[in-house]
Amino acid sequence: MIIQLNVLGSFIFFITGLLLLIFFIRLIIFFFKKNRFPKKLLIASLVGIGMFFCIFVYLNYFFTFDQLIGETFKEPVSSPTKKYTANAYLQNYGGAVGGVKIWVNITNHEDNDQIKTVYYGEASSNFFMYWIDEETISISHESSNHIDAEDSIELDVSTDIYDETGIACTSLLMKDEYENCYQN
């Protein structure tokens, strides 16, 4: 769904840019030759700008992890008292030149098996996760940008969330799901 909205937003942005260019050319002609005012081009351009703005606002401020569809990446890891289970998933994107996103869902067995995404970022070949204590999970992986660097984060599963893109940190729909939001 998000990819389709990004493609639609890019298409609308391109078409609106063309319409605005044509509008400004026609506007200049209107002032110099006193032709008809390009009212239809103005309306079409304003509608395009409005649609692009709506998609931008939706993608940035009404984001949730509900649309994630992927395959299991690692075996589930249970917390020390088995209150939580961490499951890692991955999703390929962008075809041959794309990449792989990975996310970690935490299932709270004491709260009707409620599932919460606490980690979302780029995947690497050396990904692992383990529980430090009942509420804290450590998620580590080699950075895909720096060969010798290792990225790791410790998250309190009841209050923290990590989103590499930072979109979850700005989402109005997700603001009640965390106290601390970390981003790259």
N, C-alpha and C. Protein backbone atom coordinates (compact mmCIF):
# COMPACT_ATOMS: atom_id res chain seq x y z
N MET A 1 0.82 -1.19 0.00
CA MET A 1 0.00 0.00 0.00
C MET A 1 0.87 1.27 0.00
N ILE A 2 1.91 1.26 0.85
CA ILE A 2 2.78 2.44 0.95
C ILE A 2 3.53 2.65 -0.35
N ILE A 3 4.01 1.56 -0.95
CA ILE A 3 4.74 1.69 -2.21
C ILE A 3 3.83 2.25 -3.29
N GLN A 4 2.59 1.78 -3.35
CA GLN A 4 1.65 2.29 -4.35
C GLN A 4 1.38 3.78 -4.13
N LEU A 5 1.25 4.20 -2.88
CA LEU A 5 1.04 5.62 -2.60
C LEU A 5 2.26 6.45 -2.96
N ASN A 6 3.45 5.90 -2.73
CA ASN A 6 4.66 6.62 -3.13
C ASN A 6 4.73 6.78 -4.64
N VAL A 7 4.39 5.72 -5.38
CA VAL A 7 4.39 5.79 -6.84
C VAL A 7 3.33 6.77 -7.32
N LEU A 8 2.13 6.69 -6.74
CA LEU A 8 1.07 7.62 -7.11
C LEU A 8 1.47 9.06 -6.79
N GLY A 9 2.08 9.27 -5.63
CA GLY A 9 2.53 10.61 -5.26
C GLY A 9 3.59 11.14 -6.22
N SER A 10 4.50 10.28 -6.63
CA SER A 10 5.53 10.70 -7.60
C SER A 10 4.91 11.05 -8.94
N PHE A 11 3.95 10.24 -9.38
CA PHE A 11 3.26 10.51 -10.64
C PHE A 11 2.50 11.84 -10.58
N ILE A 12 1.78 12.06 -9.50
CA ILE A 12 1.03 13.31 -9.33
C ILE A 12 2.00 14.49 -9.28
N PHE A 13 3.12 14.33 -8.59
CA PHE A 13 4.12 15.40 -8.51
C PHE A 13 4.64 15.75 -9.91
N PHE A 14 4.95 14.74 -10.71
CA PHE A 14 5.46 14.96 -12.07
C PHE A 14 4.42 15.66 -12.95
N ILE A 15 3.19 15.14 -12.95
CA ILE A 15 2.13 15.72 -13.77
C ILE A 15 1.82 17.15 -13.32
N THR A 16 1.77 17.37 -12.02
CA THR A 16 1.49 18.71 -11.50
C THR A 16 2.61 19.68 -11.89
N GLY A 17 3.83 19.22 -11.85
CA GLY A 17 4.95 20.05 -12.29
C GLY A 17 4.81 20.46 -13.74
N LEU A 18 4.43 19.51 -14.59
CA LEU A 18 4.21 19.83 -16.00
C LEU A 18 3.06 20.82 -16.17
N LEU A 19 1.97 20.58 -15.45
CA LEU A 19 0.82 21.49 -15.54
C LEU A 19 1.19 22.90 -15.07
N LEU A 20 1.96 22.99 -14.01
CA LEU A 20 2.39 24.31 -13.53
C LEU A 20 3.29 25.01 -14.55
N LEU A 21 4.17 24.27 -15.19
CA LEU A 21 5.04 24.85 -16.21
C LEU A 21 4.20 25.39 -17.37
N ILE A 22 3.25 24.58 -17.82
CA ILE A 22 2.37 25.03 -18.91
C ILE A 22 1.53 26.22 -18.46
N PHE A 23 1.05 26.18 -17.22
CA PHE A 23 0.26 27.30 -16.70
C PHE A 23 1.06 28.60 -16.70
N PHE A 24 2.30 28.55 -16.21
CA PHE A 24 3.10 29.77 -16.17
C PHE A 24 3.42 30.29 -17.57
N ILE A 25 3.65 29.40 -18.51
CA ILE A 25 3.87 29.84 -19.89
C ILE A 25 2.61 30.51 -20.43
N ARG A 26 1.46 29.89 -20.19
CA ARG A 26 0.20 30.48 -20.65
C ARG A 26 -0.12 31.78 -19.91
N LEU A 27 0.28 31.88 -18.65
CA LEU A 27 0.07 33.10 -17.88
C LEU A 27 0.91 34.25 -18.45
N ILE A 28 2.13 33.96 -18.82
CA ILE A 28 2.98 34.98 -19.45
C ILE A 28 2.36 35.43 -20.78
N ILE A 29 1.87 34.48 -21.56
CA ILE A 29 1.20 34.83 -22.82
C ILE A 29 -0.04 35.67 -22.55
N PHE A 30 -0.77 35.34 -21.48
CA PHE A 30 -1.97 36.10 -21.11
C PHE A 30 -1.62 37.56 -20.83
N PHE A 31 -0.53 37.80 -20.09
CA PHE A 31 -0.16 39.18 -19.76
C PHE A 31 0.34 39.96 -20.98
N PHE A 32 1.05 39.31 -21.88
CA PHE A 32 1.62 40.03 -23.01
C PHE A 32 0.66 40.15 -24.20
N LYS A 33 -0.13 39.11 -24.47
CA LYS A 33 -1.00 39.14 -25.65
C LYS A 33 -2.47 39.32 -25.29
N LYS A 34 -2.77 39.41 -24.02
CA LYS A 34 -4.15 39.60 -23.54
C LYS A 34 -5.08 38.48 -24.03
N ASN A 35 -4.56 37.24 -24.05
CA ASN A 35 -5.41 36.08 -24.36
C ASN A 35 -6.26 35.74 -23.14
N ARG A 36 -7.06 34.69 -23.28
CA ARG A 36 -7.88 34.23 -22.15
C ARG A 36 -7.02 33.75 -21.00
N PHE A 37 -7.49 33.99 -19.78
CA PHE A 37 -6.78 33.51 -18.59
C PHE A 37 -6.86 31.98 -18.55
N PRO A 38 -5.75 31.27 -18.31
CA PRO A 38 -5.75 29.79 -18.31
C PRO A 38 -6.35 29.22 -17.02
N LYS A 39 -7.66 29.40 -16.88
CA LYS A 39 -8.38 29.00 -15.66
C LYS A 39 -8.34 27.48 -15.43
N LYS A 40 -8.52 26.68 -16.50
CA LYS A 40 -8.55 25.22 -16.35
C LYS A 40 -7.18 24.69 -15.91
N LEU A 41 -6.11 25.28 -16.45
CA LEU A 41 -4.77 24.86 -16.03
C LEU A 41 -4.51 25.23 -14.58
N LEU A 42 -4.99 26.37 -14.15
CA LEU A 42 -4.84 26.78 -12.76
C LEU A 42 -5.57 25.81 -11.85
N ILE A 43 -6.79 25.47 -12.19
CA ILE A 43 -7.58 24.53 -11.37
C ILE A 43 -6.92 23.16 -11.33
N ALA A 44 -6.48 22.65 -12.50
CA ALA A 44 -5.82 21.34 -12.55
C ALA A 44 -4.54 21.34 -11.73
N SER A 45 -3.78 22.42 -11.79
CA SER A 45 -2.54 22.52 -11.01
C SER A 45 -2.83 22.55 -9.51
N LEU A 46 -3.84 23.30 -9.11
CA LEU A 46 -4.19 23.37 -7.69
C LEU A 46 -4.71 22.03 -7.17
N VAL A 47 -5.47 21.32 -7.99
CA VAL A 47 -5.95 19.99 -7.59
C VAL A 47 -4.76 19.04 -7.44
N GLY A 48 -3.81 19.09 -8.36
CA GLY A 48 -2.61 18.25 -8.27
C GLY A 48 -1.80 18.55 -7.03
N ILE A 49 -1.62 19.82 -6.74
CA ILE A 49 -0.88 20.22 -5.53
C ILE A 49 -1.61 19.72 -4.29
N GLY A 50 -2.93 19.84 -4.29
CA GLY A 50 -3.73 19.37 -3.15
C GLY A 50 -3.62 17.86 -2.97
N MET A 51 -3.69 17.11 -4.06
CA MET A 51 -3.58 15.65 -3.97
C MET A 51 -2.18 15.24 -3.48
N PHE A 52 -1.15 15.87 -4.02
CA PHE A 52 0.21 15.56 -3.59
C PHE A 52 0.38 15.87 -2.10
N PHE A 53 -0.14 17.01 -1.66
CA PHE A 53 -0.06 17.38 -0.25
C PHE A 53 -0.78 16.35 0.63
N CYS A 54 -1.97 15.91 0.20
CA CYS A 54 -2.73 14.92 0.98
C CYS A 54 -1.97 13.61 1.11
N ILE A 55 -1.36 13.14 0.01
CA ILE A 55 -0.59 11.90 0.06
C ILE A 55 0.63 12.07 0.98
N PHE A 56 1.30 13.20 0.87
CA PHE A 56 2.47 13.48 1.72
C PHE A 56 2.08 13.46 3.20
N VAL A 57 1.01 14.13 3.54
CA VAL A 57 0.56 14.18 4.93
C VAL A 57 0.16 12.79 5.41
N TYR A 58 -0.56 12.06 4.58
CA TYR A 58 -0.98 10.70 4.96
C TYR A 58 0.23 9.80 5.22
N LEU A 59 1.19 9.81 4.31
CA LEU A 59 2.36 8.93 4.45
C LEU A 59 3.22 9.31 5.65
N ASN A 60 3.29 10.57 6.00
CA ASN A 60 4.17 11.00 7.08
C ASN A 60 3.52 11.09 8.45
N TYR A 61 2.24 11.38 8.50
CA TYR A 61 1.61 11.61 9.80
C TYR A 61 0.54 10.60 10.16
N PHE A 62 0.21 9.69 9.27
CA PHE A 62 -0.79 8.66 9.56
C PHE A 62 -0.23 7.28 9.26
N PHE A 63 1.06 7.11 9.49
CA PHE A 63 1.78 5.87 9.25
C PHE A 63 1.55 4.88 10.38
N THR A 64 1.39 3.62 10.03
CA THR A 64 1.42 2.53 11.00
C THR A 64 2.18 1.37 10.37
N PHE A 65 2.55 0.42 11.18
CA PHE A 65 3.24 -0.76 10.68
C PHE A 65 2.26 -1.84 10.22
N ASP A 66 0.98 -1.55 10.18
CA ASP A 66 -0.03 -2.56 9.85
C ASP A 66 0.10 -3.13 8.44
N GLN A 67 0.67 -2.38 7.52
CA GLN A 67 0.75 -2.82 6.12
C GLN A 67 1.96 -3.70 5.83
N LEU A 68 2.78 -3.98 6.82
CA LEU A 68 3.98 -4.78 6.58
C LEU A 68 3.63 -6.24 6.31
N ILE A 69 4.12 -6.74 5.20
CA ILE A 69 3.93 -8.14 4.84
C ILE A 69 5.30 -8.70 4.48
N GLY A 70 5.70 -9.74 5.16
CA GLY A 70 7.01 -10.31 4.90
C GLY A 70 7.06 -11.76 5.30
N GLU A 71 8.25 -12.29 5.29
CA GLU A 71 8.45 -13.68 5.66
C GLU A 71 9.30 -13.75 6.91
N THR A 72 9.17 -14.83 7.64
CA THR A 72 9.91 -15.02 8.87
C THR A 72 11.40 -15.03 8.55
N PHE A 73 12.17 -14.28 9.33
CA PHE A 73 13.60 -14.17 9.09
C PHE A 73 14.40 -15.00 10.08
N LYS A 74 14.05 -14.93 11.33
CA LYS A 74 14.76 -15.66 12.39
C LYS A 74 13.73 -16.43 13.22
N GLU A 75 14.23 -17.43 13.93
CA GLU A 75 13.37 -18.17 14.85
C GLU A 75 12.92 -17.24 15.97
N PRO A 76 11.70 -17.42 16.49
CA PRO A 76 11.24 -16.59 17.60
C PRO A 76 12.15 -16.73 18.82
N VAL A 77 12.28 -15.63 19.55
CA VAL A 77 13.10 -15.61 20.76
C VAL A 77 12.20 -15.18 21.91
N SER A 78 12.09 -16.06 22.92
CA SER A 78 11.23 -15.76 24.07
C SER A 78 12.01 -15.04 25.15
N SER A 79 11.30 -14.15 25.86
CA SER A 79 11.90 -13.45 26.99
C SER A 79 12.14 -14.46 28.13
N PRO A 80 12.94 -14.09 29.12
CA PRO A 80 13.29 -15.05 30.20
C PRO A 80 12.09 -15.72 30.88
N THR A 81 11.00 -14.97 31.13
CA THR A 81 9.84 -15.59 31.77
C THR A 81 8.75 -15.97 30.77
N LYS A 82 9.05 -15.85 29.51
CA LYS A 82 8.14 -16.21 28.41
C LYS A 82 6.93 -15.28 28.31
N LYS A 83 7.03 -14.07 28.92
CA LYS A 83 5.95 -13.09 28.80
C LYS A 83 5.88 -12.55 27.37
N TYR A 84 7.04 -12.36 26.74
CA TYR A 84 7.12 -11.83 25.38
C TYR A 84 7.81 -12.83 24.46
N THR A 85 7.45 -12.71 23.19
CA THR A 85 8.17 -13.43 22.14
C THR A 85 8.51 -12.44 21.05
N ALA A 86 9.77 -12.45 20.63
CA ALA A 86 10.24 -11.56 19.55
C ALA A 86 10.32 -12.36 18.25
N ASN A 87 9.70 -11.83 17.21
CA ASN A 87 9.74 -12.44 15.88
C ASN A 87 10.31 -11.45 14.89
N ALA A 88 11.28 -11.87 14.09
CA ALA A 88 11.88 -11.01 13.07
C ALA A 88 11.35 -11.41 11.70
N TYR A 89 11.02 -10.39 10.90
CA TYR A 89 10.50 -10.61 9.55
C TYR A 89 11.30 -9.77 8.56
N LEU A 90 11.30 -10.20 7.31
CA LEU A 90 11.96 -9.41 6.28
C LEU A 90 11.09 -9.27 5.05
N GLN A 91 11.37 -8.20 4.30
CA GLN A 91 10.62 -7.91 3.08
C GLN A 91 11.59 -7.32 2.06
N ASN A 92 11.63 -7.93 0.87
CA ASN A 92 12.42 -7.39 -0.23
C ASN A 92 11.66 -6.25 -0.87
N TYR A 93 12.38 -5.23 -1.31
CA TYR A 93 11.74 -4.12 -2.00
C TYR A 93 12.64 -3.65 -3.14
N GLY A 94 12.06 -3.07 -4.14
CA GLY A 94 12.83 -2.44 -5.21
C GLY A 94 13.40 -3.37 -6.25
N GLY A 95 13.03 -4.63 -6.27
CA GLY A 95 13.54 -5.53 -7.30
C GLY A 95 15.02 -5.82 -7.15
N ALA A 96 15.70 -5.97 -8.29
CA ALA A 96 17.10 -6.37 -8.29
C ALA A 96 18.03 -5.34 -7.66
N VAL A 97 17.71 -4.07 -7.77
CA VAL A 97 18.57 -3.03 -7.21
C VAL A 97 18.07 -2.51 -5.87
N GLY A 98 17.03 -3.12 -5.33
CA GLY A 98 16.45 -2.67 -4.08
C GLY A 98 17.22 -3.19 -2.88
N GLY A 99 16.52 -3.40 -1.80
CA GLY A 99 17.14 -3.86 -0.58
C GLY A 99 16.18 -4.73 0.19
N VAL A 100 16.48 -4.87 1.46
CA VAL A 100 15.67 -5.70 2.33
C VAL A 100 15.40 -4.93 3.62
N LYS A 101 14.15 -4.83 3.99
CA LYS A 101 13.75 -4.24 5.27
C LYS A 101 13.50 -5.37 6.25
N ILE A 102 13.81 -5.10 7.50
CA ILE A 102 13.57 -6.08 8.54
C ILE A 102 12.84 -5.40 9.69
N TRP A 103 11.96 -6.11 10.34
CA TRP A 103 11.29 -5.57 11.50
C TRP A 103 11.10 -6.66 12.54
N VAL A 104 10.96 -6.23 13.78
CA VAL A 104 10.81 -7.14 14.91
C VAL A 104 9.47 -6.85 15.57
N ASN A 105 8.65 -7.88 15.64
CA ASN A 105 7.37 -7.80 16.34
C ASN A 105 7.50 -8.47 17.69
N ILE A 106 6.93 -7.84 18.70
CA ILE A 106 6.91 -8.40 20.04
C ILE A 106 5.48 -8.82 20.36
N THR A 107 5.31 -10.07 20.72
CA THR A 107 4.00 -10.58 21.12
C THR A 107 3.96 -10.62 22.65
N ASN A 108 2.97 -9.93 23.23
CA ASN A 108 2.79 -9.91 24.67
C ASN A 108 1.76 -10.98 25.03
N HIS A 109 2.23 -12.07 25.60
CA HIS A 109 1.35 -13.21 25.91
C HIS A 109 0.43 -12.95 27.10
N GLU A 110 0.77 -11.97 27.92
CA GLU A 110 -0.09 -11.65 29.07
C GLU A 110 -1.17 -10.63 28.72
N ASP A 111 -1.14 -10.12 27.48
CA ASP A 111 -2.13 -9.13 27.03
C ASP A 111 -2.82 -9.64 25.76
N ASN A 112 -3.41 -10.82 25.84
CA ASN A 112 -4.14 -11.44 24.73
C ASN A 112 -3.31 -11.55 23.44
N ASP A 113 -2.03 -11.86 23.58
CA ASP A 113 -1.11 -12.01 22.46
C ASP A 113 -1.09 -10.78 21.54
N GLN A 114 -1.16 -9.61 22.16
CA GLN A 114 -1.08 -8.36 21.41
C GLN A 114 0.29 -8.24 20.77
N ILE A 115 0.33 -7.82 19.49
CA ILE A 115 1.57 -7.72 18.74
C ILE A 115 1.91 -6.25 18.53
N LYS A 116 3.19 -5.92 18.75
CA LYS A 116 3.68 -4.54 18.60
C LYS A 116 5.01 -4.58 17.86
N THR A 117 5.16 -3.74 16.85
CA THR A 117 6.43 -3.63 16.14
C THR A 117 7.31 -2.66 16.92
N VAL A 118 8.52 -3.11 17.27
CA VAL A 118 9.43 -2.26 18.04
C VAL A 118 10.68 -1.87 17.26
N TYR A 119 10.93 -2.53 16.13
CA TYR A 119 12.15 -2.26 15.36
C TYR A 119 11.83 -2.35 13.87
N TYR A 120 12.32 -1.36 13.09
CA TYR A 120 12.13 -1.37 11.64
C TYR A 120 13.35 -0.71 11.00
N GLY A 121 14.04 -1.44 10.13
CA GLY A 121 15.22 -0.88 9.49
C GLY A 121 15.73 -1.74 8.36
N GLU A 122 16.86 -1.34 7.79
CA GLU A 122 17.51 -2.10 6.73
C GLU A 122 18.08 -3.39 7.31
N ALA A 123 17.99 -4.45 6.53
CA ALA A 123 18.51 -5.73 6.98
C ALA A 123 19.96 -5.89 6.57
N SER A 124 20.64 -6.77 7.26
CA SER A 124 22.00 -7.16 6.90
C SER A 124 22.14 -8.65 7.17
N SER A 125 23.24 -9.19 6.73
CA SER A 125 23.41 -10.64 6.86
C SER A 125 23.69 -11.07 8.30
N ASN A 126 24.23 -10.19 9.12
CA ASN A 126 24.59 -10.55 10.49
C ASN A 126 23.63 -9.94 11.50
N PHE A 127 22.37 -10.28 11.39
CA PHE A 127 21.33 -9.76 12.28
C PHE A 127 21.11 -10.76 13.41
N PHE A 128 21.03 -10.26 14.64
CA PHE A 128 20.64 -11.13 15.74
C PHE A 128 19.97 -10.31 16.84
N MET A 129 19.19 -11.01 17.63
CA MET A 129 18.46 -10.36 18.73
C MET A 129 18.47 -11.30 19.92
N TYR A 130 18.51 -10.71 21.12
CA TYR A 130 18.45 -11.50 22.34
C TYR A 130 17.89 -10.63 23.46
N TRP A 131 17.32 -11.26 24.43
CA TRP A 131 16.72 -10.57 25.56
C TRP A 131 17.78 -10.30 26.62
N ILE A 132 17.85 -9.07 27.09
CA ILE A 132 18.76 -8.69 28.18
C ILE A 132 18.09 -8.99 29.51
N ASP A 133 16.82 -8.62 29.62
CA ASP A 133 15.99 -8.96 30.77
C ASP A 133 14.56 -9.09 30.27
N GLU A 134 13.62 -9.15 31.17
CA GLU A 134 12.22 -9.40 30.80
C GLU A 134 11.63 -8.32 29.90
N GLU A 135 12.06 -7.07 30.03
CA GLU A 135 11.48 -5.97 29.27
C GLU A 135 12.41 -5.40 28.20
N THR A 136 13.68 -5.84 28.17
CA THR A 136 14.67 -5.21 27.28
C THR A 136 15.22 -6.22 26.29
N ILE A 137 15.15 -5.85 25.02
CA ILE A 137 15.70 -6.69 23.96
C ILE A 137 16.83 -5.93 23.27
N SER A 138 17.86 -6.66 22.91
CA SER A 138 18.98 -6.09 22.17
C SER A 138 18.89 -6.59 20.73
N ILE A 139 18.96 -5.66 19.79
CA ILE A 139 18.90 -6.00 18.37
C ILE A 139 20.17 -5.46 17.74
N SER A 140 20.91 -6.33 17.08
CA SER A 140 22.20 -5.95 16.51
C SER A 140 22.30 -6.44 15.07
N HIS A 141 23.04 -5.68 14.29
CA HIS A 141 23.38 -6.11 12.94
C HIS A 141 24.54 -5.30 12.42
N GLU A 142 25.28 -5.89 11.49
CA GLU A 142 26.35 -5.16 10.84
C GLU A 142 25.73 -4.10 9.96
N SER A 143 26.28 -2.92 9.98
CA SER A 143 25.78 -1.84 9.15
C SER A 143 26.06 -2.13 7.69
N SER A 144 25.06 -1.91 6.85
CA SER A 144 25.25 -2.12 5.41
C SER A 144 26.04 -0.96 4.80
N ASN A 145 26.12 0.18 5.50
CA ASN A 145 26.84 1.33 4.97
C ASN A 145 28.32 1.32 5.32
N HIS A 146 28.67 0.75 6.44
CA HIS A 146 30.05 0.73 6.90
C HIS A 146 30.45 -0.70 7.22
N ILE A 147 31.44 -1.20 6.53
CA ILE A 147 31.81 -2.61 6.63
C ILE A 147 32.22 -2.99 8.05
N ASP A 148 32.99 -2.15 8.73
CA ASP A 148 33.49 -2.49 10.06
C ASP A 148 32.57 -2.06 11.20
N ALA A 149 31.47 -1.40 10.88
CA ALA A 149 30.59 -0.88 11.93
C ALA A 149 29.51 -1.89 12.28
N GLU A 150 29.15 -1.89 13.55
CA GLU A 150 28.03 -2.72 13.99
C GLU A 150 26.99 -1.81 14.63
N ASP A 151 25.77 -1.91 14.15
CA ASP A 151 24.68 -1.13 14.72
C ASP A 151 23.94 -2.02 15.70
N SER A 152 23.69 -1.48 16.87
CA SER A 152 22.95 -2.23 17.86
C SER A 152 22.15 -1.26 18.71
N ILE A 153 21.02 -1.76 19.19
CA ILE A 153 20.16 -0.92 20.02
C ILE A 153 19.49 -1.80 21.06
N GLU A 154 19.31 -1.26 22.23
CA GLU A 154 18.57 -1.93 23.29
C GLU A 154 17.25 -1.20 23.46
N LEU A 155 16.17 -1.94 23.41
CA LEU A 155 14.83 -1.34 23.49
C LEU A 155 14.04 -1.93 24.64
N ASP A 156 13.41 -1.05 25.41
CA ASP A 156 12.43 -1.48 26.40
C ASP A 156 11.14 -1.72 25.61
N VAL A 157 10.70 -2.97 25.54
CA VAL A 157 9.58 -3.30 24.64
C VAL A 157 8.26 -2.67 25.06
N SER A 158 8.17 -2.19 26.28
CA SER A 158 6.91 -1.56 26.70
C SER A 158 6.88 -0.06 26.39
N THR A 159 8.07 0.57 26.19
CA THR A 159 8.08 2.03 25.99
C THR A 159 8.85 2.52 24.77
N ASP A 160 9.71 1.69 24.18
CA ASP A 160 10.60 2.16 23.12
C ASP A 160 10.24 1.59 21.75
N ILE A 161 10.67 2.31 20.72
CA ILE A 161 10.50 1.86 19.34
C ILE A 161 11.65 2.45 18.53
N TYR A 162 12.11 1.69 17.53
CA TYR A 162 13.16 2.17 16.63
C TYR A 162 12.64 2.08 15.20
N ASP A 163 12.70 3.18 14.49
CA ASP A 163 12.34 3.22 13.07
C ASP A 163 13.46 3.95 12.35
N GLU A 164 14.21 3.23 11.55
CA GLU A 164 15.36 3.81 10.86
C GLU A 164 14.98 5.03 10.02
N THR A 165 13.79 5.01 9.42
CA THR A 165 13.35 6.12 8.58
C THR A 165 12.83 7.29 9.40
N GLY A 166 12.38 7.06 10.62
CA GLY A 166 11.86 8.12 11.47
C GLY A 166 10.39 8.44 11.25
N ILE A 167 9.76 7.77 10.31
CA ILE A 167 8.35 8.07 10.01
C ILE A 167 7.45 7.69 11.18
N ALA A 168 7.76 6.59 11.86
CA ALA A 168 6.94 6.19 13.01
C ALA A 168 7.02 7.23 14.13
N CYS A 169 8.14 7.95 14.19
CA CYS A 169 8.32 8.97 15.23
C CYS A 169 7.45 10.20 14.99
N THR A 170 7.05 10.44 13.74
CA THR A 170 6.20 11.59 13.42
C THR A 170 4.73 11.21 13.26
N SER A 171 4.44 9.93 13.27
CA SER A 171 3.07 9.46 13.04
C SER A 171 2.14 9.85 14.19
N LEU A 172 1.04 10.48 13.84
CA LEU A 172 0.04 10.84 14.84
C LEU A 172 -0.71 9.62 15.35
N LEU A 173 -0.82 8.58 14.51
CA LEU A 173 -1.53 7.37 14.90
C LEU A 173 -0.73 6.49 15.85
N MET A 174 0.59 6.65 15.85
CA MET A 174 1.44 5.79 16.67
C MET A 174 1.95 6.45 17.94
N LYS A 175 1.66 7.72 18.15
CA LYS A 175 2.26 8.45 19.27
C LYS A 175 1.91 7.88 20.64
N ASP A 176 0.80 7.15 20.76
CA ASP A 176 0.42 6.56 22.04
C ASP A 176 1.07 5.19 22.28
N GLU A 177 1.78 4.66 21.27
CA GLU A 177 2.36 3.32 21.37
C GLU A 177 3.76 3.31 21.97
N TYR A 178 4.37 4.47 22.16
CA TYR A 178 5.73 4.50 22.68
C TYR A 178 5.97 5.78 23.47
N GLU A 179 6.99 5.75 24.30
CA GLU A 179 7.45 6.94 25.01
C GLU A 179 8.72 7.48 24.37
N ASN A 180 9.56 6.55 23.87
CA ASN A 180 10.82 6.93 23.24
C ASN A 180 10.86 6.35 21.83
N CYS A 181 11.10 7.21 20.87
CA CYS A 181 11.20 6.76 19.48
C CYS A 181 12.60 7.12 18.98
N TYR A 182 13.31 6.10 18.53
CA TYR A 182 14.67 6.29 18.04
C TYR A 182 14.67 6.14 16.52
N GLN A 183 15.54 6.93 15.89
CA GLN A 183 15.67 6.85 14.44
C GLN A 183 17.13 7.03 14.07
N ASN A 184 17.45 6.68 12.86
CA ASN A 184 18.83 6.80 12.40
C ASN A 184 19.19 8.23 12.07
